Amino acid sequence: MSAVVKTPIGSAARQPLVVGNGDRTVALDGRQRMDLETFLAQVRGVAAILPAGQHAVNLCEDRYRFLVAFCAVALRGQVTLMPPSRAPEVVTDVLAQYPESYSLGDGLLAAVPSDHWTLPELLPELQGDVPMIDEAAVVAIGFTSGSTGSPKPNPKTWSAFRASTGQNRAALESLWQGYAMPHVVATVPPQHMYGMELSVLLPLLGPAGLHTGRPFFPEDVSRVLAETPEPRLLATTPVHLRALVESGVELPPLCGIVSATAPLSQELAAAAEARFGCEVREVFGSTETCVIARRRTAREAAWTPLPGVHVHPKPDGTLIYAAHLPLPVALADLVELESDGRFHLRGRQADLLEIAGKRASLGDLTRRLLAIPGVVDGVMLQLDAAGDRGVARVAALVVAPDLEEAAILAALRESIDPVFLPRPLKRVPALPRSETGKLPRAELLKLL
C-alpha cells in the first residue's frame, strides 16, 4: 500500500491514525524496520484481541510496541491512562480510579499489576482500511508529575494531539534542514507527555521514523544513534544531556538535540552544542498544555511561543491560549513578556520565599547549590511545617560524595543570604528522580 494516507473529503469529524505513504519507515531497531503498512496491520490485529474495557495503562518498554498498543487502544475506543510513574503502586492507584480499566505490556517489566494483559510475542496482523479516529475522542489522560503536589488528570482528544503535533513540527523541522523527516532517538519514556509528543505523536502525525529503544547510559545512546539513519534527532533531558557531555562519549552526526522536563542551563546547552556539533533546542510545556514554546538556550534566554500559542501573565501565574486547547489553561509559572511576544520564566509563585523581609526563589537557590564544585546533584525546598516564627524552613538534599555538609553550607554562605541557608541540609547517595528527571515532592520529604 503505497498511497498517501489522507483524510477523505467530507470526513472532517474523523481523522486518520497516521500520515504518510504505506512504505515509509515508522520504526526501526538496528536489525529491521517497520513500514507504515505493516504497522497498521498490527494495530488492527492487536485491537481485535484487546481485553474489553474503557481505560488501559500502557506499560510497554519497547517503544514500537507501545506505539502499536496505544493506537490499538484508541482504535477500540478506549483511553490510554498515563500515570506519573510506572511503579506498581502508582499504576494500581490510577487503575482503581477509573472504571473498566486494565494494564497491558510487552512482558519486560519485573512487576505488574494483577489482571495484567501481555501483548503476544508475535503481533497479529489484519488487513483493512486506514483506521480513522473521531476528532473529539479522548484518547489519553495524562497525569501531572506530582512535583508540586498530587498528580492531576488531563484528558487529551485526538484533535488536540493533531494540533499540538503540527505546532511541534513547525517549531522543530528547521533542525532536519530539508529532509522529509527525521529519525527520533529518545531517552525519555513514551508514557511521559514529552516522550509521547516526540516519540509517539511525531512518528504518527509528523511524520518521523522512530528507534524502538530507550537508551539510558551514554554508551547506549551512542550505540542506538549509530543504528539510526540520518537525520538523527535526539530527544532527551538535562540530566541525560549532562551525562553525555561529561562522559566523553562520541556520538554520530545529529541534526539536533531537543531537551525538556527540567530547566536547561545556558552553560550546559553551550557545552553540548560545542561537543556534538548541533543545535540544542529546549522546549517548554506541561502535561496540561503539551509543548508551547522553544528557545536555543545556548544563545537566548527568552522563549518563543509556538504558532498559535498566546501567553497572558497573571499575578499568580500564566494563562495559556492555544489552538490545541479547548479552553485557556492556567499554569503556576510566572512569566515576563517582551514587546515581540517572547517571554521569560520567573519561577513559580509557590517557589518564591519571603523570610525576614528578604526575598528569594527556590529555583535560584538550587542553581547556586548546584554551582558548588563537588556537588553532583541537589535541590532546595521549603518544608510544609512552619518554624518557631511561623515561617516554613528551607531544606536541601545534596549528592556530594567528597564534601562534608559543613563545607557545603560554608560555600552557600558565600552566595546566598544567611536567612535562606537550608536547615536541614542532608547528603544523600542519589535524588529520587523520575524517569524524566523530575523530583516528586512527596519522595523528597520522605528523604528528609
Protein backbone atom coordinates (compact mmCIF):
# COMPACT_ATOMS: atom_id res chain seq x y z
CA MET A 1 0.00 0.00 0.00
CA SER A 2 1.99 2.99 -1.24
CA ALA A 3 -0.84 5.51 -1.48
CA VAL A 4 -0.67 8.60 0.69
CA VAL A 5 -2.83 8.35 3.81
CA LYS A 6 -5.08 11.39 3.84
CA THR A 7 -8.44 12.47 5.17
CA PRO A 8 -11.39 11.53 2.94
CA ILE A 9 -13.39 14.51 1.68
CA GLY A 10 -16.39 15.19 3.88
CA SER A 11 -14.96 13.36 6.91
CA ALA A 12 -13.99 16.36 9.00
CA ALA A 13 -15.19 14.72 12.20
CA ARG A 14 -12.87 11.74 11.73
CA GLN A 15 -9.13 11.87 11.09
CA PRO A 16 -6.53 9.23 10.13
CA LEU A 17 -4.50 7.50 12.79
CA VAL A 18 -1.27 8.12 10.86
CA VAL A 19 0.05 10.20 7.97
CA GLY A 20 2.43 9.33 5.14
CA ASN A 21 2.98 6.67 2.48
CA GLY A 22 2.44 3.00 3.24
CA ASP A 23 6.11 2.19 2.70
CA ARG A 24 7.55 4.93 4.90
CA THR A 25 9.53 3.88 7.96
CA VAL A 26 7.59 4.09 11.20
CA ALA A 27 10.14 2.38 13.47
CA LEU A 28 13.48 0.55 13.38
CA ASP A 29 15.69 -1.21 15.89
CA GLY A 30 19.04 -1.71 14.17
CA ARG A 31 18.02 -5.10 12.73
CA GLN A 32 14.82 -4.36 10.87
CA ARG A 33 12.47 -1.53 10.00
CA MET A 34 8.70 -1.48 10.24
CA ASP A 35 6.85 0.27 7.43
CA LEU A 36 3.53 2.01 7.85
CA GLU A 37 1.54 -0.71 6.07
CA THR A 38 2.84 -3.42 8.42
CA PHE A 39 2.37 -1.16 11.42
CA LEU A 40 -1.29 -0.54 10.57
CA ALA A 41 -1.91 -4.27 10.06
CA GLN A 42 -0.50 -4.95 13.54
CA VAL A 43 -2.56 -2.13 15.08
CA ARG A 44 -5.73 -3.71 13.64
CA GLY A 45 -4.61 -7.17 14.78
CA VAL A 46 -3.91 -6.10 18.37
CA ALA A 47 -7.10 -4.02 18.56
CA ALA A 48 -9.09 -7.14 17.70
CA ILE A 49 -7.77 -9.10 20.70
CA LEU A 50 -7.55 -6.41 23.40
CA PRO A 51 -9.50 -7.00 26.62
CA ALA A 52 -12.86 -5.31 26.97
CA GLY A 53 -12.79 -2.09 28.95
CA GLN A 54 -12.78 1.69 28.86
CA HIS A 55 -9.26 2.56 30.04
CA ALA A 56 -5.80 1.00 29.67
CA VAL A 57 -2.41 1.75 31.21
CA ASN A 58 0.26 1.07 28.59
CA LEU A 59 3.40 -0.26 30.34
CA CYS A 60 5.27 -1.39 27.21
CA GLU A 61 9.05 -1.00 27.49
CA ASP A 62 9.64 -1.48 23.77
CA ARG A 63 8.76 1.86 22.16
CA TYR A 64 7.36 0.29 18.97
CA ARG A 65 5.07 -2.00 20.94
CA PHE A 66 3.95 1.00 22.97
CA LEU A 67 3.12 2.72 19.68
CA VAL A 68 1.13 -0.28 18.39
CA ALA A 69 -0.72 -0.73 21.68
CA PHE A 70 -1.52 2.99 22.01
CA CYS A 71 -3.06 3.05 18.54
CA ALA A 72 -4.89 -0.25 19.07
CA VAL A 73 -6.43 1.04 22.31
CA ALA A 74 -7.58 4.21 20.51
CA LEU A 75 -8.98 2.15 17.63
CA ARG A 76 -11.05 0.14 20.13
CA GLY A 77 -12.48 3.38 21.52
CA GLN A 78 -10.61 3.00 24.80
CA VAL A 79 -8.49 5.64 26.57
CA THR A 80 -4.81 5.31 27.46
CA LEU A 81 -4.03 6.33 31.04
CA MET A 82 -0.58 7.86 31.59
CA PRO A 83 0.32 7.70 35.31
CA PRO A 84 3.21 9.89 36.52
CA SER A 85 5.21 6.72 37.28
CA ARG A 86 5.19 3.06 36.27
CA ALA A 87 5.77 1.96 39.85
CA PRO A 88 3.23 -0.83 40.60
CA GLU A 89 1.56 1.04 43.47
CA VAL A 90 1.11 4.18 41.35
CA VAL A 91 -0.34 2.20 38.44
CA THR A 92 -2.66 0.28 40.77
CA ASP A 93 -3.89 3.54 42.30
CA VAL A 94 -4.68 5.04 38.87
CA LEU A 95 -6.44 1.87 37.72
CA ALA A 96 -8.61 1.98 40.84
CA GLN A 97 -9.76 5.50 39.94
CA TYR A 98 -11.16 4.54 36.53
CA PRO A 99 -13.92 2.02 35.75
CA GLU A 100 -13.34 -0.97 33.48
CA SER A 101 -9.59 -0.38 33.34
CA TYR A 102 -6.68 -2.74 32.82
CA SER A 103 -2.93 -2.62 32.24
CA LEU A 104 -1.07 -4.03 29.28
CA GLY A 105 2.59 -4.51 28.43
CA ASP A 106 5.23 -6.40 26.50
CA GLY A 107 6.42 -8.76 29.24
CA LEU A 108 9.63 -6.87 30.03
CA LEU A 109 8.61 -5.46 33.43
CA ALA A 110 9.66 -7.29 36.60
CA ALA A 111 6.46 -6.35 38.46
CA VAL A 112 3.00 -5.78 37.01
CA PRO A 113 -0.49 -5.19 38.48
CA SER A 114 -2.95 -8.04 38.84
CA ASP A 115 -5.02 -8.92 35.76
CA HIS A 116 -2.25 -7.54 33.56
CA TRP A 117 -2.58 -8.28 29.82
CA THR A 118 0.58 -9.11 27.83
CA LEU A 119 0.94 -8.49 24.11
CA PRO A 120 1.67 -11.69 22.17
CA GLU A 121 5.32 -12.11 21.17
CA LEU A 122 4.32 -12.24 17.51
CA LEU A 123 1.94 -9.35 16.89
CA PRO A 124 -1.13 -10.42 14.90
CA GLU A 125 -1.91 -8.66 11.63
CA LEU A 126 -5.23 -7.77 9.99
CA GLN A 127 -5.63 -6.05 6.63
CA GLY A 128 -8.15 -3.27 6.17
CA ASP A 129 -8.75 0.40 5.54
CA VAL A 130 -6.73 3.17 7.15
CA PRO A 131 -8.02 3.49 10.75
CA MET A 132 -9.91 6.70 11.45
CA ILE A 133 -10.41 8.33 14.86
CA ASP A 134 -13.12 10.77 15.94
CA GLU A 135 -11.55 14.19 16.38
CA ALA A 136 -13.39 14.77 19.65
CA ALA A 137 -12.50 11.36 21.11
CA VAL A 138 -10.42 11.42 24.30
CA VAL A 139 -7.52 9.09 23.50
CA ALA A 140 -5.29 9.71 26.53
CA ILE A 141 -5.36 11.06 30.07
CA GLY A 142 -2.01 12.39 31.23
CA PHE A 143 -1.22 12.92 34.89
CA THR A 144 0.99 15.70 36.24
CA SER A 145 4.26 14.57 37.80
CA GLY A 146 3.39 15.31 41.41
CA SER A 147 6.47 17.51 41.81
CA THR A 148 4.29 20.24 43.31
CA GLY A 149 1.53 18.12 44.87
CA SER A 150 -0.86 15.29 43.99
CA PRO A 151 -0.90 14.18 40.31
CA LYS A 152 -3.84 15.66 38.40
CA PRO A 153 -5.53 14.12 35.31
CA ASN A 154 -5.56 15.96 31.97
CA PRO A 155 -7.71 14.49 29.15
CA LYS A 156 -6.35 14.76 25.58
CA THR A 157 -8.50 14.49 22.46
CA TRP A 158 -7.27 13.27 19.09
CA SER A 159 -7.94 16.73 17.66
CA ALA A 160 -5.77 18.33 20.37
CA PHE A 161 -2.93 15.87 19.72
CA ARG A 162 -3.09 16.56 15.98
CA ALA A 163 -2.94 20.33 16.54
CA SER A 164 -0.11 20.20 19.08
CA THR A 165 1.92 17.85 16.85
CA GLY A 166 1.56 20.31 13.99
CA GLN A 167 2.89 23.04 16.26
CA ASN A 168 5.81 20.86 17.36
CA ARG A 169 6.72 20.08 13.77
CA ALA A 170 6.65 23.79 12.88
CA ALA A 171 8.91 24.53 15.85
CA LEU A 172 11.43 21.76 15.14
CA GLU A 173 11.53 20.99 11.41
CA SER A 174 14.27 23.54 10.66
CA LEU A 175 16.60 21.19 12.58
CA TRP A 176 16.40 18.47 9.91
CA GLN A 177 17.18 21.02 7.19
CA GLY A 178 15.13 19.99 4.21
CA TYR A 179 14.93 16.24 4.85
CA ALA A 180 11.43 14.80 4.50
CA MET A 181 11.50 13.59 8.10
CA PRO A 182 13.90 12.92 10.99
CA HIS A 183 14.61 9.68 12.83
CA VAL A 184 14.00 10.13 16.55
CA VAL A 185 16.02 8.56 19.34
CA ALA A 186 14.53 9.31 22.76
CA THR A 187 15.88 8.76 26.25
CA VAL A 188 12.51 9.63 27.80
CA PRO A 189 9.71 7.06 28.22
CA PRO A 190 6.70 7.29 25.89
CA GLN A 191 4.44 7.21 28.97
CA HIS A 192 5.53 10.78 29.80
CA MET A 193 3.78 13.60 27.88
CA TYR A 194 7.06 14.93 26.44
CA GLY A 195 8.02 11.40 25.41
CA MET A 196 4.53 10.95 23.95
CA GLU A 197 4.84 14.11 21.88
CA LEU A 198 8.33 13.45 20.48
CA SER A 199 8.46 9.65 20.21
CA VAL A 200 4.81 8.68 19.60
CA LEU A 201 2.84 11.54 18.06
CA LEU A 202 5.65 12.90 15.86
CA PRO A 203 6.19 9.46 14.21
CA LEU A 204 2.42 9.08 13.78
CA LEU A 205 1.48 12.56 12.62
CA GLY A 206 4.78 14.33 11.91
CA PRO A 207 5.86 12.11 10.27
CA ALA A 208 9.15 10.76 11.64
CA GLY A 209 10.98 7.47 11.97
CA LEU A 210 11.42 6.07 15.47
CA HIS A 211 14.13 3.94 17.06
CA THR A 212 12.37 1.44 19.30
CA GLY A 213 14.91 1.51 22.14
CA ARG A 214 15.13 3.76 25.17
CA PRO A 215 18.84 4.12 25.84
CA PHE A 216 19.87 5.26 29.30
CA PHE A 217 23.67 5.27 29.67
CA PRO A 218 25.82 7.41 27.33
CA GLU A 219 27.31 4.36 25.62
CA ASP A 220 23.80 3.05 24.91
CA VAL A 221 22.77 6.41 23.44
CA SER A 222 25.81 6.35 21.16
CA ARG A 223 25.08 2.79 20.00
CA VAL A 224 21.40 3.42 19.30
CA LEU A 225 22.18 6.62 17.40
CA ALA A 226 24.71 4.69 15.30
CA GLU A 227 21.92 2.24 14.36
CA THR A 228 19.69 5.13 13.26
CA PRO A 229 19.76 6.66 9.76
CA GLU A 230 20.33 10.37 9.23
CA PRO A 231 18.98 12.86 10.01
CA ARG A 232 19.11 11.87 13.69
CA LEU A 233 17.13 13.84 16.28
CA LEU A 234 17.88 13.16 19.95
CA ALA A 235 15.03 13.86 22.40
CA THR A 236 16.41 13.94 25.91
CA THR A 237 16.52 15.72 29.28
CA PRO A 238 19.07 17.93 31.05
CA VAL A 239 20.06 15.01 33.31
CA HIS A 240 20.85 12.75 30.34
CA LEU A 241 22.46 15.61 28.41
CA ARG A 242 24.85 16.39 31.25
CA ALA A 243 25.81 12.71 31.46
CA LEU A 244 26.50 12.67 27.70
CA VAL A 245 28.68 15.78 27.85
CA GLU A 246 30.66 14.66 30.89
CA SER A 247 31.14 11.06 29.69
CA GLY A 248 33.30 11.98 26.72
CA VAL A 249 31.31 9.55 24.55
CA GLU A 250 31.38 10.04 20.77
CA LEU A 251 28.04 10.47 19.00
CA PRO A 252 27.38 10.18 15.25
CA PRO A 253 26.27 13.39 13.47
CA LEU A 254 22.99 14.78 14.79
CA CYS A 255 20.59 17.20 13.13
CA GLY A 256 19.64 18.47 16.56
CA ILE A 257 19.02 17.78 20.24
CA VAL A 258 15.71 18.56 21.94
CA SER A 259 15.61 18.96 25.72
CA ALA A 260 12.71 19.26 28.16
CA THR A 261 11.26 18.21 31.56
CA ALA A 262 13.58 20.43 33.66
CA PRO A 263 15.39 23.76 33.23
CA LEU A 264 18.46 23.56 30.99
CA SER A 265 21.32 25.87 31.94
CA GLN A 266 22.93 28.05 29.28
CA GLU A 267 26.33 26.61 30.21
CA LEU A 268 25.23 23.01 29.63
CA ALA A 269 23.44 23.88 26.38
CA ALA A 270 26.55 25.63 25.05
CA ALA A 271 28.79 22.75 26.13
CA ALA A 272 26.52 20.24 24.37
CA GLU A 273 26.45 22.29 21.16
CA ALA A 274 30.24 22.54 21.14
CA ARG A 275 30.67 18.86 22.00
CA PHE A 276 28.20 17.38 19.49
CA GLY A 277 28.21 19.98 16.71
CA CYS A 278 24.47 20.63 16.51
CA GLU A 279 21.84 22.94 17.90
CA VAL A 280 20.28 22.19 21.27
CA ARG A 281 16.67 23.36 21.16
CA GLU A 282 14.90 23.45 24.50
CA VAL A 283 11.11 23.18 24.58
CA PHE A 284 8.80 24.30 27.36
CA GLY A 285 5.45 22.79 28.21
CA SER A 286 3.48 20.79 30.71
CA THR A 287 1.16 17.84 30.93
CA GLU A 288 -1.71 20.32 30.94
CA THR A 289 -0.63 22.21 27.81
CA CYS A 290 1.82 19.97 25.89
CA VAL A 291 4.78 21.89 24.36
CA ILE A 292 4.02 25.61 23.98
CA ALA A 293 7.39 27.36 23.45
CA ARG A 294 11.01 26.86 22.34
CA ARG A 295 14.39 28.54 22.54
CA ARG A 296 18.04 27.98 21.63
CA THR A 297 19.22 28.06 25.22
CA ALA A 298 22.92 28.42 24.42
CA ARG A 299 22.25 31.79 22.76
CA GLU A 300 18.97 33.16 24.09
CA ALA A 301 17.17 33.47 27.40
CA ALA A 302 13.69 34.31 26.09
CA TRP A 303 11.15 31.72 24.99
CA THR A 304 9.36 31.95 21.62
CA PRO A 305 5.73 30.73 21.75
CA LEU A 306 4.83 28.09 19.18
CA PRO A 307 2.49 29.11 16.33
CA GLY A 308 -0.98 29.81 17.64
CA VAL A 309 0.12 29.98 21.30
CA HIS A 310 -0.56 33.14 23.31
CA VAL A 311 0.82 33.77 26.79
CA HIS A 312 -1.01 36.03 29.25
CA PRO A 313 0.77 36.83 32.55
CA LYS A 314 -1.29 36.93 35.74
CA PRO A 315 -0.22 37.96 39.27
CA ASP A 316 -0.24 34.32 40.44
CA GLY A 317 0.74 32.55 37.20
CA THR A 318 0.05 32.49 33.48
CA LEU A 319 -2.89 31.78 31.20
CA ILE A 320 -2.07 29.83 28.03
CA TYR A 321 -4.27 30.11 24.95
CA ALA A 322 -3.54 27.74 22.05
CA ALA A 323 -5.20 26.12 19.04
CA HIS A 324 -4.95 22.68 20.65
CA LEU A 325 -6.52 23.80 23.95
CA PRO A 326 -10.33 23.98 24.10
CA LEU A 327 -10.08 26.44 27.00
CA PRO A 328 -7.22 28.58 28.35
CA VAL A 329 -5.02 26.70 30.81
CA ALA A 330 -3.68 28.30 33.98
CA LEU A 331 -0.07 27.49 34.84
CA ALA A 332 1.69 28.30 38.09
CA ASP A 333 4.72 29.63 36.20
CA LEU A 334 5.33 33.38 36.41
CA VAL A 335 6.40 34.99 33.13
CA GLU A 336 7.58 38.38 31.93
CA LEU A 337 6.62 39.33 28.38
CA GLU A 338 8.79 41.15 25.86
CA SER A 339 7.27 43.51 23.29
CA ASP A 340 7.65 40.94 20.49
CA GLY A 341 5.65 38.27 22.34
CA ARG A 342 8.59 36.26 23.63
CA PHE A 343 8.70 35.65 27.36
CA HIS A 344 10.99 34.91 30.30
CA LEU A 345 10.21 32.41 33.03
CA ARG A 346 10.45 33.94 36.51
CA GLY A 347 9.78 30.89 38.65
CA ARG A 348 6.54 29.95 40.35
CA GLN A 349 4.56 31.77 43.00
CA ALA A 350 4.95 28.71 45.24
CA ASP A 351 8.74 28.87 44.77
CA LEU A 352 9.06 32.47 45.93
CA LEU A 353 10.29 32.85 49.50
CA GLU A 354 10.00 35.81 51.84
CA ILE A 355 11.83 35.46 55.13
CA ALA A 356 12.73 38.33 57.47
CA GLY A 357 11.70 40.83 54.79
CA LYS A 358 14.07 39.30 52.22
CA ARG A 359 13.06 37.52 49.02
CA ALA A 360 14.49 34.65 47.01
CA SER A 361 13.30 31.82 44.78
CA LEU A 362 13.85 28.11 45.30
CA GLY A 363 14.95 27.82 41.68
CA ASP A 364 17.73 30.36 42.12
CA LEU A 365 18.81 28.84 45.45
CA THR A 366 19.01 25.40 43.80
CA ARG A 367 21.12 26.81 40.95
CA ARG A 368 23.57 28.26 43.48
CA LEU A 369 23.73 24.92 45.27
CA LEU A 370 24.49 23.08 42.03
CA ALA A 371 27.22 25.59 41.16
CA ILE A 372 29.34 24.49 44.16
CA PRO A 373 32.31 22.41 42.94
CA GLY A 374 31.84 18.84 44.11
CA VAL A 375 28.03 18.95 44.16
CA VAL A 376 26.81 16.34 41.70
CA ASP A 377 23.09 16.91 42.23
CA GLY A 378 20.89 18.74 44.67
CA VAL A 379 17.64 20.54 45.36
CA MET A 380 16.32 23.19 47.73
CA LEU A 381 12.75 23.00 49.00
CA GLN A 382 10.57 24.66 51.61
CA LEU A 383 9.16 22.40 54.31
CA ASP A 384 5.44 22.26 54.99
CA ALA A 385 5.71 22.78 58.76
CA ALA A 386 6.35 26.33 59.94
CA GLY A 387 9.15 27.02 62.38
CA ASP A 388 9.02 28.88 65.69
CA ARG A 389 8.39 32.22 63.92
CA GLY A 390 5.63 30.90 61.67
CA VAL A 391 7.89 30.64 58.61
CA ALA A 392 8.45 27.31 56.88
CA ARG A 393 12.12 26.41 56.85
CA VAL A 394 14.26 25.86 53.76
CA ALA A 395 15.84 22.43 53.45
CA ALA A 396 18.27 20.86 50.99
CA LEU A 397 19.13 17.41 49.72
CA VAL A 398 22.57 17.13 48.18
CA VAL A 399 24.54 14.49 46.30
CA ALA A 400 28.20 15.35 47.00
CA PRO A 401 30.31 12.25 47.76
CA ASP A 402 33.51 14.18 48.52
CA LEU A 403 32.09 17.11 50.50
CA GLU A 404 31.01 17.36 54.12
CA GLU A 405 27.76 19.12 54.97
CA ALA A 406 29.65 21.89 56.78
CA ALA A 407 31.69 22.59 53.65
CA ILE A 408 28.56 22.82 51.52
CA LEU A 409 26.96 25.26 53.97
CA ALA A 410 30.13 27.34 54.03
CA ALA A 411 30.10 27.57 50.24
CA LEU A 412 26.43 28.57 50.25
CA ARG A 413 27.13 31.36 52.73
CA GLU A 414 29.31 32.94 50.05
CA SER A 415 26.42 33.30 47.58
CA ILE A 416 23.10 33.48 49.46
CA ASP A 417 21.69 35.44 52.36
CA PRO A 418 22.03 33.59 55.70
CA VAL A 419 18.25 33.59 56.23
CA PHE A 420 17.92 31.20 53.26
CA LEU A 421 20.58 28.74 54.36
CA PRO A 422 19.00 25.27 54.39
CA ARG A 423 18.27 23.72 57.78
CA PRO A 424 18.47 20.80 57.49
CA LEU A 425 20.95 20.11 54.73
CA LYS A 426 21.23 16.38 54.18
CA ARG A 427 23.66 14.47 51.98
CA VAL A 428 22.12 11.51 50.13
CA PRO A 429 23.55 8.94 47.68
CA ALA A 430 21.07 9.99 44.97
CA LEU A 431 17.95 12.07 44.50
CA PRO A 432 14.68 10.23 43.77
CA ARG A 433 14.40 11.48 40.20
CA SER A 434 11.71 10.08 37.94
CA GLU A 435 12.48 8.65 34.51
CA THR A 436 12.36 12.18 33.12
CA GLY A 437 14.49 13.76 35.86
CA LYS A 438 11.66 15.28 37.88
CA LEU A 439 11.64 15.27 41.69
CA PRO A 440 8.27 14.38 43.25
CA ARG A 441 7.85 16.44 46.38
CA ALA A 442 6.48 13.51 48.39
CA GLU A 443 9.65 11.50 47.74
CA LEU A 444 11.87 14.41 48.75
CA LEU A 445 10.00 14.82 52.04
CA LYS A 446 10.48 11.12 52.75
CA LEU A 447 14.25 11.55 52.49
CA LEU A 448 14.11 14.44 54.94
